[in-house]
Amino acid sequence: MAEGAWQDCLNRLQDELSLADFSTWIRPLQGEVVGDHLTLFAPNRFVKEWFDQKYAARVLELWREMRGQDAAVSVRIGSA
């Protein structure tokens, strides 16, 4: 169910973003869900920094819509 919430978030982002932006900045992320906390793993610092600047606020907003206002999102470099 938790991974389903992350997939729902991905589906919403795919509808909102251009194919190029989604493929470049969102698709490379790996998600790990523990309770209401979503940890995203970026493949490198460049992707992480771009995501933080452009998409992190929207992902947090979507995640809280799906999981509640106490839900949290963090981003790390590495893999799940």
PDB file of N, CA and C in Angstrom:
ATOM      1  N   MET A   1       0.820  -1.198   0.000  1.00  0.00           N
ATOM      2  CA  MET A   1       0.000   0.000   0.000  1.00  0.00           C
ATOM      3  C   MET A   1       0.865   1.263   0.000  1.00  0.00           C
ATOM      4  N   ALA A   2       1.939   1.279   0.783  1.00  0.00           N
ATOM      5  CA  ALA A   2       2.791   2.463   0.841  1.00  0.00           C
ATOM      6  C   ALA A   2       3.460   2.716  -0.508  1.00  0.00           C
ATOM      7  N   GLU A   3       3.987   1.656  -1.130  1.00  0.00           N
ATOM      8  CA  GLU A   3       4.611   1.823  -2.433  1.00  0.00           C
ATOM      9  C   GLU A   3       3.574   2.245  -3.460  1.00  0.00           C
ATOM     10  N   GLY A   4       2.321   1.819  -3.272  1.00  0.00           N
ATOM     11  CA  GLY A   4       1.245   2.242  -4.147  1.00  0.00           C
ATOM     12  C   GLY A   4       1.032   3.745  -4.065  1.00  0.00           C
ATOM     13  N   ALA A   5       1.207   4.319  -2.881  1.00  0.00           N
ATOM     14  CA  ALA A   5       1.073   5.767  -2.717  1.00  0.00           C
ATOM     15  C   ALA A   5       2.172   6.487  -3.492  1.00  0.00           C
ATOM     16  N   TRP A   6       3.382   5.966  -3.452  1.00  0.00           N
ATOM     17  CA  TRP A   6       4.473   6.573  -4.221  1.00  0.00           C
ATOM     18  C   TRP A   6       4.180   6.451  -5.713  1.00  0.00           C
ATOM     19  N   GLN A   7       3.653   5.326  -6.147  1.00  0.00           N
ATOM     20  CA  GLN A   7       3.296   5.164  -7.557  1.00  0.00           C
ATOM     21  C   GLN A   7       2.190   6.147  -7.949  1.00  0.00           C
ATOM     22  N   ASP A   8       1.218   6.355  -7.063  1.00  0.00           N
ATOM     23  CA  ASP A   8       0.166   7.340  -7.324  1.00  0.00           C
ATOM     24  C   ASP A   8       0.765   8.740  -7.472  1.00  0.00           C
ATOM     25  N   CYS A   9       1.734   9.046  -6.635  1.00  0.00           N
ATOM     26  CA  CYS A   9       2.419  10.339  -6.712  1.00  0.00           C
ATOM     27  C   CYS A   9       3.150  10.460  -8.054  1.00  0.00           C
ATOM     28  N   LEU A  10       3.830   9.408  -8.462  1.00  0.00           N
ATOM     29  CA  LEU A  10       4.517   9.409  -9.755  1.00  0.00           C
ATOM     30  C   LEU A  10       3.539   9.619 -10.898  1.00  0.00           C
ATOM     31  N   ASN A  11       2.386   8.954 -10.827  1.00  0.00           N
ATOM     32  CA  ASN A  11       1.377   9.098 -11.882  1.00  0.00           C
ATOM     33  C   ASN A  11       0.889  10.534 -11.986  1.00  0.00           C
ATOM     34  N   ARG A  12       0.674  11.168 -10.850  1.00  0.00           N
ATOM     35  CA  ARG A  12       0.226  12.569 -10.857  1.00  0.00           C
ATOM     36  C   ARG A  12       1.303  13.468 -11.455  1.00  0.00           C
ATOM     37  N   LEU A  13       2.562  13.238 -11.066  1.00  0.00           N
ATOM     38  CA  LEU A  13       3.654  14.049 -11.612  1.00  0.00           C
ATOM     39  C   LEU A  13       3.796  13.850 -13.113  1.00  0.00           C
ATOM     40  N   GLN A  14       3.620  12.628 -13.558  1.00  0.00           N
ATOM     41  CA  GLN A  14       3.730  12.341 -14.991  1.00  0.00           C
ATOM     42  C   GLN A  14       2.659  13.104 -15.772  1.00  0.00           C
ATOM     43  N   ASP A  15       1.472  13.243 -15.174  1.00  0.00           N
ATOM     44  CA  ASP A  15       0.407  14.007 -15.824  1.00  0.00           C
ATOM     45  C   ASP A  15       0.696  15.506 -15.832  1.00  0.00           C
ATOM     46  N   GLU A  16       1.433  15.986 -14.846  1.00  0.00           N
ATOM     47  CA  GLU A  16       1.683  17.420 -14.694  1.00  0.00           C
ATOM     48  C   GLU A  16       2.900  17.922 -15.469  1.00  0.00           C
ATOM     49  N   LEU A  17       3.887  17.067 -15.640  1.00  0.00           N
ATOM     50  CA  LEU A  17       5.158  17.487 -16.228  1.00  0.00           C
ATOM     51  C   LEU A  17       5.255  17.066 -17.687  1.00  0.00           C
ATOM     52  N   SER A  18       6.138  17.732 -18.397  1.00  0.00           N
ATOM     53  CA  SER A  18       6.423  17.282 -19.760  1.00  0.00           C
ATOM     54  C   SER A  18       7.120  15.924 -19.681  1.00  0.00           C
ATOM     55  N   LEU A  19       7.040  15.181 -20.764  1.00  0.00           N
ATOM     56  CA  LEU A  19       7.688  13.872 -20.808  1.00  0.00           C
ATOM     57  C   LEU A  19       9.189  14.011 -20.575  1.00  0.00           C
ATOM     58  N   ALA A  20       9.796  15.040 -21.162  1.00  0.00           N
ATOM     59  CA  ALA A  20      11.241  15.247 -21.005  1.00  0.00           C
ATOM     60  C   ALA A  20      11.605  15.529 -19.551  1.00  0.00           C
ATOM     61  N   ASP A  21      10.857  16.426 -18.900  1.00  0.00           N
ATOM     62  CA  ASP A  21      11.149  16.742 -17.500  1.00  0.00           C
ATOM     63  C   ASP A  21      10.926  15.532 -16.603  1.00  0.00           C
ATOM     64  N   PHE A  22       9.835  14.829 -16.805  1.00  0.00           N
ATOM     65  CA  PHE A  22       9.563  13.654 -15.980  1.00  0.00           C
ATOM     66  C   PHE A  22      10.663  12.607 -16.159  1.00  0.00           C
ATOM     67  N   SER A  23      11.027  12.335 -17.397  1.00  0.00           N
ATOM     68  CA  SER A  23      12.043  11.314 -17.675  1.00  0.00           C
ATOM     69  C   SER A  23      13.416  11.695 -17.142  1.00  0.00           C
ATOM     70  N   THR A  24      13.742  12.984 -17.201  1.00  0.00           N
ATOM     71  CA  THR A  24      15.065  13.443 -16.785  1.00  0.00           C
ATOM     72  C   THR A  24      15.201  13.579 -15.274  1.00  0.00           C
ATOM     73  N   TRP A  25      14.171  14.122 -14.609  1.00  0.00           N
ATOM     74  CA  TRP A  25      14.318  14.507 -13.207  1.00  0.00           C
ATOM     75  C   TRP A  25      13.551  13.640 -12.215  1.00  0.00           C
ATOM     76  N   ILE A  26      12.497  12.986 -12.643  1.00  0.00           N
ATOM     77  CA  ILE A  26      11.684  12.213 -11.714  1.00  0.00           C
ATOM     78  C   ILE A  26      11.919  10.716 -11.869  1.00  0.00           C
ATOM     79  N   ARG A  27      11.927  10.232 -13.090  1.00  0.00           N
ATOM     80  CA  ARG A  27      12.100   8.797 -13.327  1.00  0.00           C
ATOM     81  C   ARG A  27      13.379   8.213 -12.699  1.00  0.00           C
ATOM     82  N   PRO A  28      14.504   8.948 -12.676  1.00  0.00           N
ATOM     83  CA  PRO A  28      15.716   8.371 -12.080  1.00  0.00           C
ATOM     84  C   PRO A  28      15.638   8.173 -10.558  1.00  0.00           C
ATOM     85  N   LEU A  29      14.666   8.798  -9.907  1.00  0.00           N
ATOM     86  CA  LEU A  29      14.562   8.686  -8.449  1.00  0.00           C
ATOM     87  C   LEU A  29      14.010   7.326  -8.043  1.00  0.00           C
ATOM     88  N   GLN A  30      14.563   6.795  -6.981  1.00  0.00           N
ATOM     89  CA  GLN A  30      14.032   5.577  -6.368  1.00  0.00           C
ATOM     90  C   GLN A  30      13.367   5.989  -5.062  1.00  0.00           C
ATOM     91  N   GLY A  31      12.203   5.428  -4.799  1.00  0.00           N
ATOM     92  CA  GLY A  31      11.483   5.770  -3.584  1.00  0.00           C
ATOM     93  C   GLY A  31      11.452   4.626  -2.590  1.00  0.00           C
ATOM     94  N   GLU A  32      11.554   4.984  -1.328  1.00  0.00           N
ATOM     95  CA  GLU A  32      11.449   4.019  -0.230  1.00  0.00           C
ATOM     96  C   GLU A  32      10.475   4.620   0.789  1.00  0.00           C
ATOM     97  N   VAL A  33       9.443   3.866   1.118  1.00  0.00           N
ATOM     98  CA  VAL A  33       8.412   4.348   2.024  1.00  0.00           C
ATOM     99  C   VAL A  33       8.497   3.594   3.340  1.00  0.00           C
ATOM    100  N   VAL A  34       8.557   4.351   4.431  1.00  0.00           N
ATOM    101  CA  VAL A  34       8.496   3.792   5.778  1.00  0.00           C
ATOM    102  C   VAL A  34       7.446   4.607   6.526  1.00  0.00           C
ATOM    103  N   GLY A  35       6.326   3.984   6.812  1.00  0.00           N
ATOM    104  CA  GLY A  35       5.222   4.708   7.439  1.00  0.00           C
ATOM    105  C   GLY A  35       4.736   5.798   6.504  1.00  0.00           C
ATOM    106  N   ASP A  36       4.738   7.020   6.980  1.00  0.00           N
ATOM    107  CA  ASP A  36       4.330   8.164   6.161  1.00  0.00           C
ATOM    108  C   ASP A  36       5.518   8.952   5.639  1.00  0.00           C
ATOM    109  N   HIS A  37       6.707   8.390   5.782  1.00  0.00           N
ATOM    110  CA  HIS A  37       7.922   9.072   5.322  1.00  0.00           C
ATOM    111  C   HIS A  37       8.376   8.470   3.999  1.00  0.00           C
ATOM    112  N   LEU A  38       8.568   9.333   3.028  1.00  0.00           N
ATOM    113  CA  LEU A  38       9.068   8.940   1.719  1.00  0.00           C
ATOM    114  C   LEU A  38      10.501   9.419   1.591  1.00  0.00           C
ATOM    115  N   THR A  39      11.414   8.497   1.355  1.00  0.00           N
ATOM    116  CA  THR A  39      12.800   8.854   1.067  1.00  0.00           C
ATOM    117  C   THR A  39      13.034   8.606  -0.413  1.00  0.00           C
ATOM    118  N   LEU A  40      13.497   9.628  -1.086  1.00  0.00           N
ATOM    119  CA  LEU A  40      13.834   9.517  -2.495  1.00  0.00           C
ATOM    120  C   LEU A  40      15.344   9.475  -2.635  1.00  0.00           C
ATOM    121  N   PHE A  41      15.805   8.601  -3.510  1.00  0.00           N
ATOM    122  CA  PHE A  41      17.238   8.452  -3.756  1.00  0.00           C
ATOM    123  C   PHE A  41      17.536   8.924  -5.171  1.00  0.00           C
ATOM    124  N   ALA A  42      18.373   9.949  -5.268  1.00  0.00           N
ATOM    125  CA  ALA A  42      18.793  10.502  -6.555  1.00  0.00           C
ATOM    126  C   ALA A  42      20.118   9.854  -6.959  1.00  0.00           C
ATOM    127  N   PRO A  43      20.331   9.651  -8.253  1.00  0.00           N
ATOM    128  CA  PRO A  43      21.560   8.981  -8.691  1.00  0.00           C
ATOM    129  C   PRO A  43      22.824   9.816  -8.524  1.00  0.00           C
ATOM    130  N   ASN A  44      22.673  11.138  -8.425  1.00  0.00           N
ATOM    131  CA  ASN A  44      23.851  11.996  -8.267  1.00  0.00           C
ATOM    132  C   ASN A  44      23.434  13.347  -7.688  1.00  0.00           C
ATOM    133  N   ARG A  45      24.420  14.139  -7.325  1.00  0.00           N
ATOM    134  CA  ARG A  45      24.173  15.439  -6.690  1.00  0.00           C
ATOM    135  C   ARG A  45      23.434  16.398  -7.621  1.00  0.00           C
ATOM    136  N   PHE A  46      23.744  16.369  -8.900  1.00  0.00           N
ATOM    137  CA  PHE A  46      23.102  17.272  -9.847  1.00  0.00           C
ATOM    138  C   PHE A  46      21.596  17.032  -9.891  1.00  0.00           C
ATOM    139  N   VAL A  47      21.188  15.767 -10.002  1.00  0.00           N
ATOM    140  CA  VAL A  47      19.762  15.433 -10.025  1.00  0.00           C
ATOM    141  C   VAL A  47      19.113  15.826  -8.701  1.00  0.00           C
ATOM    142  N   LYS A  48      19.784  15.552  -7.591  1.00  0.00           N
ATOM    143  CA  LYS A  48      19.237  15.899  -6.274  1.00  0.00           C
ATOM    144  C   LYS A  48      19.019  17.403  -6.154  1.00  0.00           C
ATOM    145  N   GLU A  49      20.016  18.193  -6.520  1.00  0.00           N
ATOM    146  CA  GLU A  49      19.903  19.642  -6.389  1.00  0.00           C
ATOM    147  C   GLU A  49      18.820  20.210  -7.305  1.00  0.00           C
ATOM    148  N   TRP A  50      18.736  19.700  -8.533  1.00  0.00           N
ATOM    149  CA  TRP A  50      17.704  20.170  -9.448  1.00  0.00           C
ATOM    150  C   TRP A  50      16.320  19.799  -8.920  1.00  0.00           C
ATOM    151  N   PHE A  51      16.182  18.568  -8.441  1.00  0.00           N
ATOM    152  CA  PHE A  51      14.915  18.130  -7.866  1.00  0.00           C
ATOM    153  C   PHE A  51      14.545  19.008  -6.675  1.00  0.00           C
ATOM    154  N   ASP A  52      15.492  19.248  -5.784  1.00  0.00           N
ATOM    155  CA  ASP A  52      15.226  20.082  -4.604  1.00  0.00           C
ATOM    156  C   ASP A  52      14.720  21.462  -5.006  1.00  0.00           C
ATOM    157  N   GLN A  53      15.319  22.048  -6.032  1.00  0.00           N
ATOM    158  CA  GLN A  53      14.952  23.402  -6.457  1.00  0.00           C
ATOM    159  C   GLN A  53      13.619  23.444  -7.188  1.00  0.00           C
ATOM    160  N   LYS A  54      13.343  22.460  -8.019  1.00  0.00           N
ATOM    161  CA  LYS A  54      12.207  22.544  -8.934  1.00  0.00           C
ATOM    162  C   LYS A  54      10.989  21.710  -8.526  1.00  0.00           C
ATOM    163  N   TYR A  55      11.206  20.578  -7.877  1.00  0.00           N
ATOM    164  CA  TYR A  55      10.100  19.633  -7.713  1.00  0.00           C
ATOM    165  C   TYR A  55       9.816  19.193  -6.285  1.00  0.00           C
ATOM    166  N   ALA A  56      10.714  19.438  -5.371  1.00  0.00           N
ATOM    167  CA  ALA A  56      10.549  18.932  -4.001  1.00  0.00           C
ATOM    168  C   ALA A  56       9.274  19.451  -3.338  1.00  0.00           C
ATOM    169  N   ALA A  57       8.978  20.721  -3.499  1.00  0.00           N
ATOM    170  CA  ALA A  57       7.786  21.288  -2.860  1.00  0.00           C
ATOM    171  C   ALA A  57       6.517  20.628  -3.391  1.00  0.00           C
ATOM    172  N   ARG A  58       6.463  20.389  -4.691  1.00  0.00           N
ATOM    173  CA  ARG A  58       5.270  19.760  -5.275  1.00  0.00           C
ATOM    174  C   ARG A  58       5.145  18.309  -4.828  1.00  0.00           C
ATOM    175  N   VAL A  59       6.242  17.585  -4.774  1.00  0.00           N
ATOM    176  CA  VAL A  59       6.198  16.201  -4.311  1.00  0.00           C
ATOM    177  C   VAL A  59       5.725  16.150  -2.858  1.00  0.00           C
ATOM    178  N   LEU A  60       6.234  17.028  -2.019  1.00  0.00           N
ATOM    179  CA  LEU A  60       5.788  17.068  -0.626  1.00  0.00           C
ATOM    180  C   LEU A  60       4.291  17.362  -0.555  1.00  0.00           C
ATOM    181  N   GLU A  61       3.825  18.298  -1.359  1.00  0.00           N
ATOM    182  CA  GLU A  61       2.396  18.629  -1.377  1.00  0.00           C
ATOM    183  C   GLU A  61       1.556  17.412  -1.776  1.00  0.00           C
ATOM    184  N   LEU A  62       1.949  16.734  -2.836  1.00  0.00           N
ATOM    185  CA  LEU A  62       1.219  15.539  -3.270  1.00  0.00           C
ATOM    186  C   LEU A  62       1.280  14.438  -2.210  1.00  0.00           C
ATOM    187  N   TRP A  63       2.456  14.247  -1.633  1.00  0.00           N
ATOM    188  CA  TRP A  63       2.635  13.196  -0.634  1.00  0.00           C
ATOM    189  C   TRP A  63       1.746  13.447   0.581  1.00  0.00           C
ATOM    190  N   ARG A  64       1.667  14.692   1.000  1.00  0.00           N
ATOM    191  CA  ARG A  64       0.814  15.024   2.150  1.00  0.00           C
ATOM    192  C   ARG A  64      -0.667  14.886   1.810  1.00  0.00           C
ATOM    193  N   GLU A  65      -1.044  15.155   0.567  1.00  0.00           N
ATOM    194  CA  GLU A  65      -2.426  14.925   0.149  1.00  0.00           C
ATOM    195  C   GLU A  65      -2.791  13.451   0.299  1.00  0.00           C
ATOM    196  N   MET A  66      -1.845  12.580  -0.015  1.00  0.00           N
ATOM    197  CA  MET A  66      -2.101  11.137   0.005  1.00  0.00           C
ATOM    198  C   MET A  66      -1.900  10.510   1.376  1.00  0.00           C
ATOM    199  N   ARG A  67      -0.957  11.041   2.161  1.00  0.00           N
ATOM    200  CA  ARG A  67      -0.571  10.366   3.406  1.00  0.00           C
ATOM    201  C   ARG A  67      -0.888  11.151   4.671  1.00  0.00           C
ATOM    202  N   GLY A  68      -1.303  12.415   4.549  1.00  0.00           N
ATOM    203  CA  GLY A  68      -1.616  13.225   5.724  1.00  0.00           C
ATOM    204  C   GLY A  68      -0.593  14.320   5.936  1.00  0.00           C
ATOM    205  N   GLN A  69      -0.986  15.304   6.725  1.00  0.00           N
ATOM    206  CA  GLN A  69      -0.149  16.493   6.918  1.00  0.00           C
ATOM    207  C   GLN A  69       1.151  16.226   7.676  1.00  0.00           C
ATOM    208  N   ASP A  70       1.232  15.131   8.402  1.00  0.00           N
ATOM    209  CA  ASP A  70       2.474  14.806   9.113  1.00  0.00           C
ATOM    210  C   ASP A  70       3.470  14.047   8.237  1.00  0.00           C
ATOM    211  N   ALA A  71       3.063  13.712   7.030  1.00  0.00           N
ATOM    212  CA  ALA A  71       3.932  12.962   6.123  1.00  0.00           C
ATOM    213  C   ALA A  71       5.143  13.818   5.757  1.00  0.00           C
ATOM    214  N   ALA A  72       6.245  13.156   5.475  1.00  0.00           N
ATOM    215  CA  ALA A  72       7.490  13.854   5.173  1.00  0.00           C
ATOM    216  C   ALA A  72       8.176  13.223   3.955  1.00  0.00           C
ATOM    217  N   VAL A  73       8.993  14.037   3.310  1.00  0.00           N
ATOM    218  CA  VAL A  73       9.772  13.593   2.155  1.00  0.00           C
ATOM    219  C   VAL A  73      11.204  14.054   2.372  1.00  0.00           C
ATOM    220  N   SER A  74      12.153  13.165   2.136  1.00  0.00           N
ATOM    221  CA  SER A  74      13.561  13.546   2.155  1.00  0.00           C
ATOM    222  C   SER A  74      14.226  13.005   0.899  1.00  0.00           C
ATOM    223  N   VAL A  75      15.328  13.624   0.519  1.00  0.00           N
ATOM    224  CA  VAL A  75      16.046  13.225  -0.688  1.00  0.00           C
ATOM    225  C   VAL A  75      17.496  12.998  -0.338  1.00  0.00           C
ATOM    226  N   ARG A  76      18.017  11.877  -0.804  1.00  0.00           N
ATOM    227  CA  ARG A  76      19.425  11.512  -0.587  1.00  0.00           C
ATOM    228  C   ARG A  76      20.058  11.138  -1.903  1.00  0.00           C
ATOM    229  N   ILE A  77      21.350  11.118  -1.918  1.00  0.00           N
ATOM    230  CA  ILE A  77      22.090  10.621  -3.076  1.00  0.00           C
ATOM    231  C   ILE A  77      22.404   9.154  -2.811  1.00  0.00           C
ATOM    232  N   GLY A  78      22.147   8.322  -3.784  1.00  0.00           N
ATOM    233  CA  GLY A  78      22.411   6.894  -3.623  1.00  0.00           C
ATOM    234  C   GLY A  78      21.301   6.071  -4.226  1.00  0.00           C
ATOM    235  N   SER A  79      21.110   4.865  -3.704  1.00  0.00           N
ATOM    236  CA  SER A  79      20.050   3.993  -4.204  1.00  0.00           C
ATOM    237  C   SER A  79      19.352   3.320  -3.043  1.00  0.00           C
ATOM    238  N   ALA A  80      18.118   2.960  -3.295  1.00  0.00           N
ATOM    239  CA  ALA A  80      17.292   2.329  -2.258  1.00  0.00           C
ATOM    240  C   ALA A  80      17.727   0.900  -2.010  1.00  0.00           C
TER     241      ALA A  80
END
